[in-house]
Amino acid sequence: MDCVRLSEARGCDNLLLIVNDIEPMTPILIDEFESAIEREPGLIQVAASVTHDSSPHSTIYPWMVSQSSSKLRRVPHSDLLCCIIRNSFIRSFGGFPILGRLGI
């Protein structure tokens, strides 16, 4: 992914990824993403959550629904459409393949 390469070339370990086909319904609080990933060295990704009234997503992906609390929400799957992810984690598994090599 070019965004990973560009962020690493600038010495960044955290990559804010916002995919261009999303339309946020509420403001994206980037400072909360940054605070969480800086505070918790074991985190590899911090992502936006689905709300109870996000239709139809809340019924299709109930494990992604926000669970309001004062601590980080840990879920088995999270949407990468809007997240901060650690480049060091991506490097740990060798990165993503170049799409042209996959015939895509």
N, C-alpha and C. Protein backbone atom coordinates (compact mmCIF):
# COMPACT_ATOMS: atom_id res chain seq x y z
N MET A 1 0.84 -1.17 0.00
CA MET A 1 0.00 0.00 0.00
C MET A 1 0.88 1.23 0.00
N ASP A 2 0.58 2.15 -0.89
CA ASP A 2 1.37 3.38 -0.99
C ASP A 2 1.33 4.20 0.28
N CYS A 3 0.18 4.23 0.97
CA CYS A 3 0.09 5.06 2.17
C CYS A 3 1.04 4.56 3.25
N VAL A 4 1.23 3.25 3.36
CA VAL A 4 2.17 2.70 4.34
C VAL A 4 3.59 3.10 3.96
N ARG A 5 3.93 2.95 2.69
CA ARG A 5 5.27 3.31 2.22
C ARG A 5 5.56 4.78 2.46
N LEU A 6 4.59 5.65 2.15
CA LEU A 6 4.78 7.08 2.33
C LEU A 6 4.94 7.46 3.80
N SER A 7 4.15 6.86 4.67
CA SER A 7 4.25 7.20 6.09
C SER A 7 5.57 6.71 6.68
N GLU A 8 6.02 5.54 6.26
CA GLU A 8 7.30 5.03 6.76
C GLU A 8 8.47 5.87 6.23
N ALA A 9 8.37 6.35 5.00
CA ALA A 9 9.43 7.17 4.42
C ALA A 9 9.60 8.46 5.21
N ARG A 10 8.55 8.88 5.90
CA ARG A 10 8.60 10.09 6.71
C ARG A 10 8.86 9.79 8.19
N GLY A 11 9.20 8.53 8.49
CA GLY A 11 9.56 8.16 9.85
C GLY A 11 8.38 7.98 10.80
N CYS A 12 7.19 7.76 10.27
CA CYS A 12 6.01 7.60 11.12
C CYS A 12 5.76 6.12 11.39
N ASP A 13 5.38 5.80 12.62
CA ASP A 13 4.99 4.43 12.91
C ASP A 13 3.48 4.28 12.92
N ASN A 14 2.74 5.36 13.14
CA ASN A 14 1.29 5.29 13.15
C ASN A 14 0.74 5.90 11.87
N LEU A 15 -0.15 5.16 11.22
CA LEU A 15 -0.74 5.60 9.96
C LEU A 15 -2.23 5.82 10.16
N LEU A 16 -2.70 7.06 9.93
CA LEU A 16 -4.13 7.34 9.96
C LEU A 16 -4.67 7.03 8.57
N LEU A 17 -5.59 6.08 8.52
CA LEU A 17 -6.15 5.65 7.24
C LEU A 17 -7.64 5.97 7.23
N ILE A 18 -8.05 6.84 6.31
CA ILE A 18 -9.47 7.15 6.11
C ILE A 18 -9.75 6.88 4.64
N VAL A 19 -10.51 5.84 4.37
CA VAL A 19 -10.80 5.45 3.00
C VAL A 19 -11.76 6.46 2.38
N ASN A 20 -11.56 6.76 1.11
CA ASN A 20 -12.29 7.85 0.49
C ASN A 20 -13.76 7.57 0.20
N ASP A 21 -14.26 6.39 0.44
CA ASP A 21 -15.67 6.13 0.16
C ASP A 21 -16.53 6.10 1.42
N ILE A 22 -16.01 6.65 2.54
CA ILE A 22 -16.85 6.72 3.74
C ILE A 22 -17.38 8.14 3.91
N GLU A 23 -18.52 8.24 4.52
CA GLU A 23 -19.11 9.53 4.85
C GLU A 23 -19.43 9.52 6.34
N PRO A 24 -18.57 10.15 7.15
CA PRO A 24 -18.78 10.13 8.60
C PRO A 24 -20.11 10.79 8.97
N MET A 25 -20.85 10.16 9.87
CA MET A 25 -22.11 10.70 10.35
C MET A 25 -21.89 11.61 11.56
N THR A 26 -20.78 11.42 12.23
CA THR A 26 -20.40 12.26 13.37
C THR A 26 -18.93 12.63 13.17
N PRO A 27 -18.45 13.66 13.85
CA PRO A 27 -17.04 14.04 13.69
C PRO A 27 -16.11 12.89 14.08
N ILE A 28 -15.02 12.75 13.35
CA ILE A 28 -14.00 11.76 13.68
C ILE A 28 -13.01 12.43 14.63
N LEU A 29 -12.92 11.91 15.84
CA LEU A 29 -12.06 12.50 16.86
C LEU A 29 -10.67 11.89 16.77
N ILE A 30 -9.88 12.42 15.88
CA ILE A 30 -8.55 11.88 15.61
C ILE A 30 -7.68 11.91 16.85
N ASP A 31 -7.84 12.94 17.69
CA ASP A 31 -7.00 13.02 18.89
C ASP A 31 -7.26 11.85 19.84
N GLU A 32 -8.48 11.30 19.84
CA GLU A 32 -8.76 10.12 20.67
C GLU A 32 -8.05 8.89 20.10
N PHE A 33 -8.00 8.77 18.78
CA PHE A 33 -7.25 7.68 18.14
C PHE A 33 -5.78 7.78 18.55
N GLU A 34 -5.21 8.98 18.39
CA GLU A 34 -3.79 9.18 18.70
C GLU A 34 -3.50 8.90 20.17
N SER A 35 -4.34 9.38 21.06
CA SER A 35 -4.13 9.17 22.49
C SER A 35 -4.14 7.69 22.83
N ALA A 36 -5.11 6.95 22.27
CA ALA A 36 -5.22 5.52 22.57
C ALA A 36 -3.99 4.76 22.10
N ILE A 37 -3.54 5.02 20.89
CA ILE A 37 -2.42 4.24 20.35
C ILE A 37 -1.09 4.64 21.01
N GLU A 38 -0.98 5.89 21.48
CA GLU A 38 0.22 6.31 22.20
C GLU A 38 0.22 5.74 23.62
N ARG A 39 -0.93 5.66 24.23
CA ARG A 39 -1.06 5.21 25.62
C ARG A 39 -0.90 3.71 25.76
N GLU A 40 -1.27 2.96 24.74
CA GLU A 40 -1.29 1.49 24.80
C GLU A 40 -0.29 0.91 23.80
N PRO A 41 0.95 0.65 24.18
CA PRO A 41 1.96 0.15 23.24
C PRO A 41 1.59 -1.18 22.58
N GLY A 42 0.72 -1.97 23.20
CA GLY A 42 0.33 -3.25 22.62
C GLY A 42 -0.74 -3.16 21.55
N LEU A 43 -1.33 -1.98 21.37
CA LEU A 43 -2.37 -1.84 20.34
C LEU A 43 -1.75 -1.83 18.96
N ILE A 44 -2.41 -2.46 18.03
CA ILE A 44 -1.95 -2.41 16.65
C ILE A 44 -2.89 -1.59 15.77
N GLN A 45 -4.13 -1.41 16.24
CA GLN A 45 -5.10 -0.66 15.45
C GLN A 45 -6.13 -0.04 16.38
N VAL A 46 -6.52 1.18 16.06
CA VAL A 46 -7.63 1.86 16.73
C VAL A 46 -8.55 2.30 15.61
N ALA A 47 -9.83 1.90 15.69
CA ALA A 47 -10.75 2.19 14.60
C ALA A 47 -12.04 2.83 15.10
N ALA A 48 -12.71 3.50 14.20
CA ALA A 48 -14.03 4.05 14.50
C ALA A 48 -14.99 2.90 14.75
N SER A 49 -16.02 3.18 15.53
CA SER A 49 -16.97 2.12 15.85
C SER A 49 -18.32 2.38 15.21
N VAL A 50 -19.09 1.33 15.08
CA VAL A 50 -20.45 1.40 14.58
C VAL A 50 -21.34 1.73 15.78
N THR A 51 -22.36 2.57 15.59
CA THR A 51 -23.28 2.89 16.67
C THR A 51 -24.53 2.02 16.56
N HIS A 52 -25.31 1.98 17.64
CA HIS A 52 -26.52 1.15 17.65
C HIS A 52 -27.50 1.55 16.55
N ASP A 53 -27.52 2.84 16.19
CA ASP A 53 -28.46 3.28 15.16
C ASP A 53 -27.86 3.32 13.76
N SER A 54 -26.68 2.74 13.58
CA SER A 54 -26.08 2.64 12.24
C SER A 54 -26.78 1.51 11.49
N SER A 55 -27.65 1.88 10.60
CA SER A 55 -28.44 0.88 9.89
C SER A 55 -27.93 0.72 8.47
N PRO A 56 -27.77 -0.49 7.97
CA PRO A 56 -28.03 -1.79 8.58
C PRO A 56 -26.81 -2.38 9.30
N HIS A 57 -25.72 -1.61 9.40
CA HIS A 57 -24.45 -2.15 9.89
C HIS A 57 -24.51 -2.72 11.30
N SER A 58 -25.29 -2.10 12.18
CA SER A 58 -25.31 -2.58 13.57
C SER A 58 -25.94 -3.97 13.68
N THR A 59 -26.84 -4.31 12.78
CA THR A 59 -27.42 -5.66 12.83
C THR A 59 -26.56 -6.68 12.09
N ILE A 60 -25.85 -6.22 11.07
CA ILE A 60 -24.98 -7.12 10.30
C ILE A 60 -23.67 -7.40 11.05
N TYR A 61 -23.14 -6.37 11.70
CA TYR A 61 -21.85 -6.47 12.39
C TYR A 61 -22.01 -6.13 13.87
N PRO A 62 -22.75 -6.90 14.65
CA PRO A 62 -22.98 -6.53 16.05
C PRO A 62 -21.70 -6.46 16.88
N TRP A 63 -20.65 -7.17 16.50
CA TRP A 63 -19.39 -7.15 17.25
C TRP A 63 -18.62 -5.84 17.04
N MET A 64 -19.06 -5.00 16.12
CA MET A 64 -18.41 -3.72 15.88
C MET A 64 -19.16 -2.56 16.52
N VAL A 65 -20.29 -2.83 17.18
CA VAL A 65 -21.08 -1.77 17.80
C VAL A 65 -20.33 -1.22 19.01
N SER A 66 -20.31 0.11 19.09
CA SER A 66 -19.64 0.78 20.20
C SER A 66 -20.18 0.28 21.53
N GLN A 67 -19.28 -0.02 22.43
CA GLN A 67 -19.65 -0.43 23.78
C GLN A 67 -19.12 0.66 24.71
N SER A 68 -19.95 1.66 24.91
CA SER A 68 -19.51 2.85 25.65
C SER A 68 -18.96 2.48 27.01
N SER A 69 -17.77 2.94 27.26
CA SER A 69 -17.12 2.78 28.56
C SER A 69 -15.91 3.68 28.59
N SER A 70 -15.25 3.72 29.71
CA SER A 70 -14.08 4.58 29.83
C SER A 70 -12.80 3.89 29.38
N LYS A 71 -12.93 2.69 28.85
CA LYS A 71 -11.73 1.98 28.41
C LYS A 71 -11.84 1.63 26.93
N LEU A 72 -10.76 1.13 26.37
CA LEU A 72 -10.74 0.78 24.95
C LEU A 72 -11.68 -0.38 24.68
N ARG A 73 -12.34 -0.33 23.56
CA ARG A 73 -13.24 -1.41 23.14
C ARG A 73 -12.41 -2.44 22.39
N ARG A 74 -12.44 -3.66 22.86
CA ARG A 74 -11.69 -4.73 22.20
C ARG A 74 -12.68 -5.67 21.53
N VAL A 75 -12.51 -5.83 20.24
CA VAL A 75 -13.44 -6.64 19.45
C VAL A 75 -12.66 -7.59 18.56
N PRO A 76 -13.29 -8.72 18.13
CA PRO A 76 -12.58 -9.66 17.27
C PRO A 76 -12.38 -9.17 15.84
N HIS A 77 -13.14 -8.16 15.43
CA HIS A 77 -13.00 -7.64 14.08
C HIS A 77 -13.34 -6.16 14.10
N SER A 78 -12.61 -5.37 13.37
CA SER A 78 -12.86 -3.94 13.31
C SER A 78 -12.77 -3.48 11.87
N ASP A 79 -13.49 -2.44 11.55
CA ASP A 79 -13.52 -1.92 10.19
C ASP A 79 -12.29 -1.05 9.93
N LEU A 80 -11.55 -1.34 8.88
CA LEU A 80 -10.35 -0.57 8.55
C LEU A 80 -10.64 0.72 7.79
N LEU A 81 -11.91 1.04 7.54
CA LEU A 81 -12.23 2.21 6.73
C LEU A 81 -11.77 3.52 7.37
N CYS A 82 -11.72 3.56 8.67
CA CYS A 82 -11.26 4.75 9.38
C CYS A 82 -10.52 4.29 10.62
N CYS A 83 -9.19 4.31 10.57
CA CYS A 83 -8.43 3.80 11.70
C CYS A 83 -7.02 4.36 11.72
N ILE A 84 -6.38 4.17 12.86
CA ILE A 84 -4.93 4.35 12.98
C ILE A 84 -4.36 2.95 13.14
N ILE A 85 -3.33 2.65 12.38
CA ILE A 85 -2.70 1.32 12.46
C ILE A 85 -1.19 1.50 12.56
N ARG A 86 -0.56 0.61 13.31
CA ARG A 86 0.89 0.70 13.49
C ARG A 86 1.62 0.09 12.28
N ASN A 87 2.50 0.88 11.70
CA ASN A 87 3.32 0.37 10.59
C ASN A 87 4.21 -0.78 11.05
N SER A 88 4.67 -0.74 12.29
CA SER A 88 5.54 -1.82 12.77
C SER A 88 4.79 -3.15 12.78
N PHE A 89 3.49 -3.12 13.02
CA PHE A 89 2.70 -4.35 12.94
C PHE A 89 2.65 -4.86 11.50
N ILE A 90 2.45 -3.97 10.55
CA ILE A 90 2.41 -4.36 9.14
C ILE A 90 3.76 -4.96 8.73
N ARG A 91 4.85 -4.33 9.19
CA ARG A 91 6.18 -4.87 8.89
C ARG A 91 6.38 -6.24 9.51
N SER A 92 5.75 -6.50 10.66
CA SER A 92 5.96 -7.76 11.37
C SER A 92 5.50 -8.98 10.57
N PHE A 93 4.57 -8.81 9.64
CA PHE A 93 4.16 -9.94 8.80
C PHE A 93 4.61 -9.77 7.36
N GLY A 94 5.52 -8.84 7.13
CA GLY A 94 6.10 -8.69 5.80
C GLY A 94 5.40 -7.71 4.90
N GLY A 95 4.38 -7.02 5.40
CA GLY A 95 3.68 -6.02 4.59
C GLY A 95 2.67 -6.65 3.66
N PHE A 96 2.08 -5.78 2.84
CA PHE A 96 1.06 -6.24 1.90
C PHE A 96 1.71 -6.50 0.54
N PRO A 97 1.21 -7.51 -0.19
CA PRO A 97 1.77 -7.79 -1.51
C PRO A 97 1.45 -6.68 -2.49
N ILE A 98 2.30 -6.50 -3.46
CA ILE A 98 2.03 -5.53 -4.52
C ILE A 98 0.92 -6.11 -5.40
N LEU A 99 -0.15 -5.35 -5.61
CA LEU A 99 -1.33 -5.86 -6.31
C LEU A 99 -1.00 -6.38 -7.71
N GLY A 100 -0.07 -5.72 -8.40
CA GLY A 100 0.28 -6.16 -9.75
C GLY A 100 0.83 -7.57 -9.77
N ARG A 101 1.50 -7.97 -8.69
CA ARG A 101 2.06 -9.32 -8.61
C ARG A 101 0.98 -10.36 -8.39
N LEU A 102 -0.21 -9.91 -7.92
CA LEU A 102 -1.33 -10.84 -7.70
C LEU A 102 -2.23 -10.92 -8.93
N GLY A 103 -1.90 -10.15 -9.97
CA GLY A 103 -2.73 -10.15 -11.15
C GLY A 103 -3.96 -9.26 -11.01
N ILE A 104 -3.91 -8.35 -10.02
CA ILE A 104 -5.07 -7.45 -9.80
C ILE A 104 -4.79 -6.10 -10.40
